[in-house]
Amino acid sequence: MDVETCLKKLGYVGVLNFATVDEDGAPQVRNISAIHYEGTTLYFLTARGKPFCRQLRRDGRVQISGYTRYKETIRLSGKAMEVPEAEQRKWRDVLYQEQPYLENVYPGETKNIDTMFVLRDYTIEYFCLSTRPITREYFTVGNAVLKPKGYSITEECIGCGTCQGVCPQDAIDEGAPFAIRQNNCLQCGNCYEHCPVQAIQQL
C-alpha cells in the first residue's frame, strides 16, 4: 500500500465522511462527494453559511474516512485551509466540471456561496480487516507529523507469553522483551489488560 493507492481507493468510494468538532466540543460528521484530487492534494467545497464551513474556518482540523468493499478503512487526518480568494473560482470550476450534479444544487450564480478548502498536509491510516492477520499502515503527506498509536511492550516484560495467548491476531512475537507487530495490531488492548506485570504501555 502507498499514499497514491489510498487516494485512488478513496476516489472509487466517492462519498467520504468528513468529521470536525463544533464550538461546544461535540463531534460533527457529514458525507461529502464534492472532492477533487490533485496529486496528493485534496480540494473540497461547502457553502459559507454552513456549520461545516464555520468549523473549518475556526479550527481547520478535519478527519476524512472511507470504507471500501474489501473491508478497508482509509482515514486522513490534517488541517484544511481555505483556498486563497484569487484561486477560488479556478478550483470551484474544476470541481463543478468533475461533479455535474453540483449544478442542480447551486445553479447559476448561486454557486458563489460556495467556498473551496484544500488539504495538503495530513496523515493516512490504512486498516484492512480482510487479511489474517489484519493489516495496518501509516503514511504522511507534506509536513504532517505522525503520532504513534496502539501499544508497546517495555523492558519490564518477564517473557511469560500471556500477551501472545490473548492476542486475537497473533501479532506478538517472542523475544526479550516480547514485541508487538504494529502493522498487524488491532489496538484492542487485550494484551495491555492481561499483562501480569503491567509491562505493556499505551503509545
C-alpha atoms as a PDB file:
ATOM      1  CA  MET A   1       0.000   0.000   0.000  1.00  0.00           C
ATOM      2  CA  ASP A   2       1.098   3.587  -0.583  1.00  0.00           C
ATOM      3  CA  VAL A   3      -0.292   7.121  -0.492  1.00  0.00           C
ATOM      4  CA  GLU A   4      -1.336   7.194  -4.143  1.00  0.00           C
ATOM      5  CA  THR A   5      -3.193   3.883  -3.900  1.00  0.00           C
ATOM      6  CA  CYS A   6      -5.009   5.004  -0.754  1.00  0.00           C
ATOM      7  CA  LEU A   7      -6.197   8.172  -2.503  1.00  0.00           C
ATOM      8  CA  LYS A   8      -7.234   6.220  -5.584  1.00  0.00           C
ATOM      9  CA  LYS A   9      -9.328   3.910  -3.402  1.00  0.00           C
ATOM     10  CA  LEU A  10     -10.985   6.918  -1.755  1.00  0.00           C
ATOM     11  CA  GLY A  11     -11.776   8.242  -5.210  1.00  0.00           C
ATOM     12  CA  TYR A  12     -13.527   4.960  -6.030  1.00  0.00           C
ATOM     13  CA  VAL A  13     -15.527   5.149  -2.794  1.00  0.00           C
ATOM     14  CA  GLY A  14     -16.672   8.610  -3.876  1.00  0.00           C
ATOM     15  CA  VAL A  15     -18.702   9.786  -0.878  1.00  0.00           C
ATOM     16  CA  LEU A  16     -16.482  10.238   2.191  1.00  0.00           C
ATOM     17  CA  ASN A  17     -17.140  11.048   5.847  1.00  0.00           C
ATOM     18  CA  PHE A  18     -15.729  14.397   6.984  1.00  0.00           C
ATOM     19  CA  ALA A  19     -15.507  14.889  10.750  1.00  0.00           C
ATOM     20  CA  THR A  20     -14.960  18.131  12.662  1.00  0.00           C
ATOM     21  CA  VAL A  21     -15.677  19.418  16.161  1.00  0.00           C
ATOM     22  CA  ASP A  22     -18.198  22.203  16.830  1.00  0.00           C
ATOM     23  CA  GLU A  23     -17.883  25.146  19.215  1.00  0.00           C
ATOM     24  CA  ASP A  24     -19.288  23.021  22.059  1.00  0.00           C
ATOM     25  CA  GLY A  25     -16.714  20.284  21.524  1.00  0.00           C
ATOM     26  CA  ALA A  26     -19.260  17.890  20.021  1.00  0.00           C
ATOM     27  CA  PRO A  27     -18.248  15.720  17.046  1.00  0.00           C
ATOM     28  CA  GLN A  28     -19.861  16.541  13.709  1.00  0.00           C
ATOM     29  CA  VAL A  29     -19.788  14.192  10.697  1.00  0.00           C
ATOM     30  CA  ARG A  30     -21.126  14.771   7.198  1.00  0.00           C
ATOM     31  CA  ASN A  31     -20.943  12.973   3.855  1.00  0.00           C
ATOM     32  CA  ILE A  32     -19.052  14.835   1.126  1.00  0.00           C
ATOM     33  CA  SER A  33     -18.685  13.892  -2.528  1.00  0.00           C
ATOM     34  CA  ALA A  34     -17.558  17.302  -3.850  1.00  0.00           C
ATOM     35  CA  ILE A  35     -13.862  16.408  -3.772  1.00  0.00           C
ATOM     36  CA  HIS A  36     -11.123  16.990  -6.330  1.00  0.00           C
ATOM     37  CA  TYR A  37      -7.806  15.096  -6.120  1.00  0.00           C
ATOM     38  CA  GLU A  38      -4.787  16.980  -7.445  1.00  0.00           C
ATOM     39  CA  GLY A  39      -1.870  14.602  -6.889  1.00  0.00           C
ATOM     40  CA  THR A  40      -1.786  14.189  -3.112  1.00  0.00           C
ATOM     41  CA  THR A  41      -3.680  17.455  -2.536  1.00  0.00           C
ATOM     42  CA  LEU A  42      -7.423  17.383  -1.844  1.00  0.00           C
ATOM     43  CA  TYR A  43      -9.801  20.203  -2.718  1.00  0.00           C
ATOM     44  CA  PHE A  44     -13.377  20.234  -1.455  1.00  0.00           C
ATOM     45  CA  LEU A  45     -16.155  22.762  -1.085  1.00  0.00           C
ATOM     46  CA  THR A  46     -19.008  23.744   1.180  1.00  0.00           C
ATOM     47  CA  ALA A  47     -21.312  26.737   1.458  1.00  0.00           C
ATOM     48  CA  ARG A  48     -20.063  29.627   3.576  1.00  0.00           C
ATOM     49  CA  GLY A  49     -23.207  29.678   5.692  1.00  0.00           C
ATOM     50  CA  LYS A  50     -22.943  26.075   6.831  1.00  0.00           C
ATOM     51  CA  PRO A  51     -21.663  24.973  10.258  1.00  0.00           C
ATOM     52  CA  PHE A  52     -19.089  22.845   8.425  1.00  0.00           C
ATOM     53  CA  CYS A  53     -17.515  25.979   6.946  1.00  0.00           C
ATOM     54  CA  ARG A  54     -17.530  27.797  10.287  1.00  0.00           C
ATOM     55  CA  GLN A  55     -15.842  24.837  11.994  1.00  0.00           C
ATOM     56  CA  LEU A  56     -13.153  24.633   9.319  1.00  0.00           C
ATOM     57  CA  ARG A  57     -12.511  28.360   9.470  1.00  0.00           C
ATOM     58  CA  ARG A  58     -12.285  28.348  13.262  1.00  0.00           C
ATOM     59  CA  ASP A  59     -10.067  25.297  13.702  1.00  0.00           C
ATOM     60  CA  GLY A  60      -9.253  23.639  10.378  1.00  0.00           C
ATOM     61  CA  ARG A  61      -8.721  20.167  11.763  1.00  0.00           C
ATOM     62  CA  VAL A  62     -10.614  17.542   9.824  1.00  0.00           C
ATOM     63  CA  GLN A  63     -10.661  13.773   9.607  1.00  0.00           C
ATOM     64  CA  ILE A  64     -11.786  12.147   6.381  1.00  0.00           C
ATOM     65  CA  SER A  65     -12.603   8.448   6.102  1.00  0.00           C
ATOM     66  CA  GLY A  66     -13.835   5.983   3.545  1.00  0.00           C
ATOM     67  CA  TYR A  67     -14.646   2.281   3.687  1.00  0.00           C
ATOM     68  CA  THR A  68     -14.178   0.000   0.679  1.00  0.00           C
ATOM     69  CA  ARG A  69     -15.985  -3.185  -0.299  1.00  0.00           C
ATOM     70  CA  TYR A  70     -12.800  -5.068   0.637  1.00  0.00           C
ATOM     71  CA  LYS A  71     -13.144  -4.169   4.338  1.00  0.00           C
ATOM     72  CA  GLU A  72     -10.534  -1.423   4.122  1.00  0.00           C
ATOM     73  CA  THR A  73     -10.772   1.762   6.160  1.00  0.00           C
ATOM     74  CA  ILE A  74      -8.717   4.702   4.922  1.00  0.00           C
ATOM     75  CA  ARG A  75      -8.517   7.675   7.253  1.00  0.00           C
ATOM     76  CA  LEU A  76      -6.935  11.068   6.513  1.00  0.00           C
ATOM     77  CA  SER A  77      -6.222  13.485   9.368  1.00  0.00           C
ATOM     78  CA  GLY A  78      -4.970  17.016   8.849  1.00  0.00           C
ATOM     79  CA  LYS A  79      -5.717  20.724   8.837  1.00  0.00           C
ATOM     80  CA  ALA A  80      -7.717  22.160   5.945  1.00  0.00           C
ATOM     81  CA  MET A  81      -7.132  25.707   4.767  1.00  0.00           C
ATOM     82  CA  GLU A  82      -9.466  27.954   2.816  1.00  0.00           C
ATOM     83  CA  VAL A  83      -8.218  28.397  -0.734  1.00  0.00           C
ATOM     84  CA  PRO A  84      -6.951  31.961  -1.416  1.00  0.00           C
ATOM     85  CA  GLU A  85      -9.579  34.223  -2.976  1.00  0.00           C
ATOM     86  CA  ALA A  86      -7.629  34.507  -6.231  1.00  0.00           C
ATOM     87  CA  GLU A  87      -7.830  30.715  -6.733  1.00  0.00           C
ATOM     88  CA  GLN A  88     -11.373  30.101  -5.509  1.00  0.00           C
ATOM     89  CA  ARG A  89     -13.102  30.247  -8.884  1.00  0.00           C
ATOM     90  CA  LYS A  90     -10.428  28.147 -10.612  1.00  0.00           C
ATOM     91  CA  TRP A  91     -10.772  25.178  -8.272  1.00  0.00           C
ATOM     92  CA  ARG A  92     -14.535  25.525  -7.931  1.00  0.00           C
ATOM     93  CA  ASP A  93     -14.884  25.352 -11.722  1.00  0.00           C
ATOM     94  CA  VAL A  94     -12.699  22.246 -11.823  1.00  0.00           C
ATOM     95  CA  LEU A  95     -14.844  20.563  -9.198  1.00  0.00           C
ATOM     96  CA  TYR A  96     -18.121  21.546 -10.863  1.00  0.00           C
ATOM     97  CA  GLN A  97     -16.849  20.128 -14.148  1.00  0.00           C
ATOM     98  CA  GLU A  98     -15.983  16.819 -12.496  1.00  0.00           C
ATOM     99  CA  GLN A  99     -19.200  16.713 -10.463  1.00  0.00           C
ATOM    100  CA  PRO A 100     -22.006  17.931 -12.784  1.00  0.00           C
ATOM    101  CA  TYR A 101     -24.703  17.221 -10.162  1.00  0.00           C
ATOM    102  CA  LEU A 102     -23.479  20.310  -8.267  1.00  0.00           C
ATOM    103  CA  GLU A 103     -25.196  22.494 -10.890  1.00  0.00           C
ATOM    104  CA  ASN A 104     -28.506  21.086  -9.635  1.00  0.00           C
ATOM    105  CA  VAL A 105     -27.609  22.013  -6.073  1.00  0.00           C
ATOM    106  CA  TYR A 106     -26.260  25.522  -6.710  1.00  0.00           C
ATOM    107  CA  PRO A 107     -27.400  26.592 -10.207  1.00  0.00           C
ATOM    108  CA  GLY A 108     -26.176  29.732 -11.912  1.00  0.00           C
ATOM    109  CA  GLU A 109     -24.815  32.495  -9.737  1.00  0.00           C
ATOM    110  CA  THR A 110     -25.994  30.795  -6.527  1.00  0.00           C
ATOM    111  CA  LYS A 111     -22.749  28.793  -6.634  1.00  0.00           C
ATOM    112  CA  ASN A 112     -20.970  31.934  -5.447  1.00  0.00           C
ATOM    113  CA  ILE A 113     -21.989  30.940  -1.918  1.00  0.00           C
ATOM    114  CA  ASP A 114     -19.546  28.021  -2.192  1.00  0.00           C
ATOM    115  CA  THR A 115     -16.041  28.254  -0.799  1.00  0.00           C
ATOM    116  CA  MET A 116     -13.165  25.902  -1.520  1.00  0.00           C
ATOM    117  CA  PHE A 117     -10.894  24.320   1.063  1.00  0.00           C
ATOM    118  CA  VAL A 118      -7.617  22.483   0.498  1.00  0.00           C
ATOM    119  CA  LEU A 119      -5.848  19.740   2.448  1.00  0.00           C
ATOM    120  CA  ARG A 120      -2.116  19.402   1.757  1.00  0.00           C
ATOM    121  CA  ASP A 121      -0.504  18.197   4.996  1.00  0.00           C
ATOM    122  CA  TYR A 122      -2.081  15.111   6.505  1.00  0.00           C
ATOM    123  CA  THR A 123      -1.558  11.589   7.779  1.00  0.00           C
ATOM    124  CA  ILE A 124      -3.130   8.464   6.348  1.00  0.00           C
ATOM    125  CA  GLU A 125      -4.099   5.378   8.307  1.00  0.00           C
ATOM    126  CA  TYR A 126      -4.843   2.285   6.216  1.00  0.00           C
ATOM    127  CA  PHE A 127      -6.628  -0.538   8.047  1.00  0.00           C
ATOM    128  CA  CYS A 128      -7.704  -3.779   6.339  1.00  0.00           C
ATOM    129  CA  LEU A 129      -9.853  -6.399   8.074  1.00  0.00           C
ATOM    130  CA  SER A 130      -9.947  -8.864   5.181  1.00  0.00           C
ATOM    131  CA  THR A 131      -6.435 -10.225   5.829  1.00  0.00           C
ATOM    132  CA  ARG A 132      -5.263 -12.554   8.589  1.00  0.00           C
ATOM    133  CA  PRO A 133      -3.586 -11.060  10.495  1.00  0.00           C
ATOM    134  CA  ILE A 134      -5.140  -7.677   9.810  1.00  0.00           C
ATOM    135  CA  THR A 135      -3.075  -5.052   8.007  1.00  0.00           C
ATOM    136  CA  ARG A 136      -2.419  -1.564   9.360  1.00  0.00           C
ATOM    137  CA  GLU A 137      -0.156   1.014   7.728  1.00  0.00           C
ATOM    138  CA  TYR A 138       0.545   4.720   8.250  1.00  0.00           C
ATOM    139  CA  PHE A 139       1.740   7.390   5.833  1.00  0.00           C
ATOM    140  CA  THR A 140       2.438  11.110   5.961  1.00  0.00           C
ATOM    141  CA  VAL A 141       1.852  13.699   3.251  1.00  0.00           C
ATOM    142  CA  GLY A 142       3.509  17.109   3.152  1.00  0.00           C
ATOM    143  CA  ASN A 143       4.633  18.397   6.529  1.00  0.00           C
ATOM    144  CA  ALA A 144       2.291  16.247   8.603  1.00  0.00           C
ATOM    145  CA  VAL A 145       3.674  14.561  11.733  1.00  0.00           C
ATOM    146  CA  LEU A 146       2.596  11.050  12.642  1.00  0.00           C
ATOM    147  CA  LYS A 147       1.675  10.395  16.278  1.00  0.00           C
ATOM    148  CA  PRO A 148       2.198   6.793  17.441  1.00  0.00           C
ATOM    149  CA  LYS A 149      -0.907   4.761  18.339  1.00  0.00           C
ATOM    150  CA  GLY A 150      -1.509   1.380  19.899  1.00  0.00           C
ATOM    151  CA  TYR A 151       0.637  -0.446  22.456  1.00  0.00           C
ATOM    152  CA  SER A 152       4.231  -1.462  23.028  1.00  0.00           C
ATOM    153  CA  ILE A 153       5.942  -3.909  25.369  1.00  0.00           C
ATOM    154  CA  THR A 154       8.567  -2.443  27.692  1.00  0.00           C
ATOM    155  CA  GLU A 155      11.718  -3.886  29.281  1.00  0.00           C
ATOM    156  CA  GLU A 156       9.589  -4.859  32.281  1.00  0.00           C
ATOM    157  CA  CYS A 157       8.431  -7.886  30.257  1.00  0.00           C
ATOM    158  CA  ILE A 158       9.098 -11.200  32.080  1.00  0.00           C
ATOM    159  CA  GLY A 159       8.597 -13.362  28.989  1.00  0.00           C
ATOM    160  CA  CYS A 160       5.563 -15.227  30.339  1.00  0.00           C
ATOM    161  CA  GLY A 161       3.742 -15.253  26.995  1.00  0.00           C
ATOM    162  CA  THR A 162       0.380 -14.167  28.423  1.00  0.00           C
ATOM    163  CA  CYS A 163       0.110 -11.388  25.839  1.00  0.00           C
ATOM    164  CA  GLN A 164       0.681 -13.831  22.994  1.00  0.00           C
ATOM    165  CA  GLY A 165      -2.088 -16.063  24.275  1.00  0.00           C
ATOM    166  CA  VAL A 166      -4.710 -13.323  24.328  1.00  0.00           C
ATOM    167  CA  CYS A 167      -3.832 -11.504  21.095  1.00  0.00           C
ATOM    168  CA  PRO A 168      -6.720 -12.093  18.643  1.00  0.00           C
ATOM    169  CA  GLN A 169      -4.433 -11.629  15.623  1.00  0.00           C
ATOM    170  CA  ASP A 170      -1.305 -13.495  16.830  1.00  0.00           C
ATOM    171  CA  ALA A 171       0.566 -10.212  16.339  1.00  0.00           C
ATOM    172  CA  ILE A 172       3.038 -10.612  19.211  1.00  0.00           C
ATOM    173  CA  ASP A 173       6.466 -12.208  18.745  1.00  0.00           C
ATOM    174  CA  GLU A 174       8.543 -13.888  21.437  1.00  0.00           C
ATOM    175  CA  GLY A 175      11.688 -12.086  22.494  1.00  0.00           C
ATOM    176  CA  ALA A 176      13.346 -10.165  25.290  1.00  0.00           C
ATOM    177  CA  PRO A 177      11.099  -8.305  25.589  1.00  0.00           C
ATOM    178  CA  PHE A 178       8.216  -9.690  23.530  1.00  0.00           C
ATOM    179  CA  ALA A 179       7.316  -7.397  20.616  1.00  0.00           C
ATOM    180  CA  ILE A 180       4.068  -6.301  19.009  1.00  0.00           C
ATOM    181  CA  ARG A 181       3.996  -6.223  15.201  1.00  0.00           C
ATOM    182  CA  GLN A 182       2.354  -2.824  14.847  1.00  0.00           C
ATOM    183  CA  ASN A 183       1.232  -3.402  11.252  1.00  0.00           C
ATOM    184  CA  ASN A 184      -0.837  -6.407  12.408  1.00  0.00           C
ATOM    185  CA  CYS A 185      -2.133  -4.987  15.702  1.00  0.00           C
ATOM    186  CA  LEU A 186      -5.858  -4.368  16.235  1.00  0.00           C
ATOM    187  CA  GLN A 187      -5.025  -1.905  19.032  1.00  0.00           C
ATOM    188  CA  CYS A 188      -7.738  -3.620  21.064  1.00  0.00           C
ATOM    189  CA  GLY A 189      -5.793  -3.523  24.354  1.00  0.00           C
ATOM    190  CA  ASN A 190      -6.307  -7.186  25.272  1.00  0.00           C
ATOM    191  CA  CYS A 191      -2.585  -7.691  25.895  1.00  0.00           C
ATOM    192  CA  TYR A 192      -2.493  -4.498  27.966  1.00  0.00           C
ATOM    193  CA  GLU A 193      -5.339  -5.675  30.207  1.00  0.00           C
ATOM    194  CA  HIS A 194      -3.911  -9.162  30.748  1.00  0.00           C
ATOM    195  CA  CYS A 195      -0.205  -8.482  31.329  1.00  0.00           C
ATOM    196  CA  PRO A 196       0.519  -9.686  34.893  1.00  0.00           C
ATOM    197  CA  VAL A 197       3.333  -7.166  35.457  1.00  0.00           C
ATOM    198  CA  GLN A 198       1.949  -4.124  33.580  1.00  0.00           C
ATOM    199  CA  ALA A 199       4.815  -4.275  31.094  1.00  0.00           C
ATOM    200  CA  ILE A 200       2.643  -3.049  28.225  1.00  0.00           C
ATOM    201  CA  GLN A 201       2.083   0.652  27.700  1.00  0.00           C
ATOM    202  CA  GLN A 202      -0.213   2.718  25.504  1.00  0.00           C
ATOM    203  CA  LEU A 203       1.588   4.787  22.899  1.00  0.00           C
END
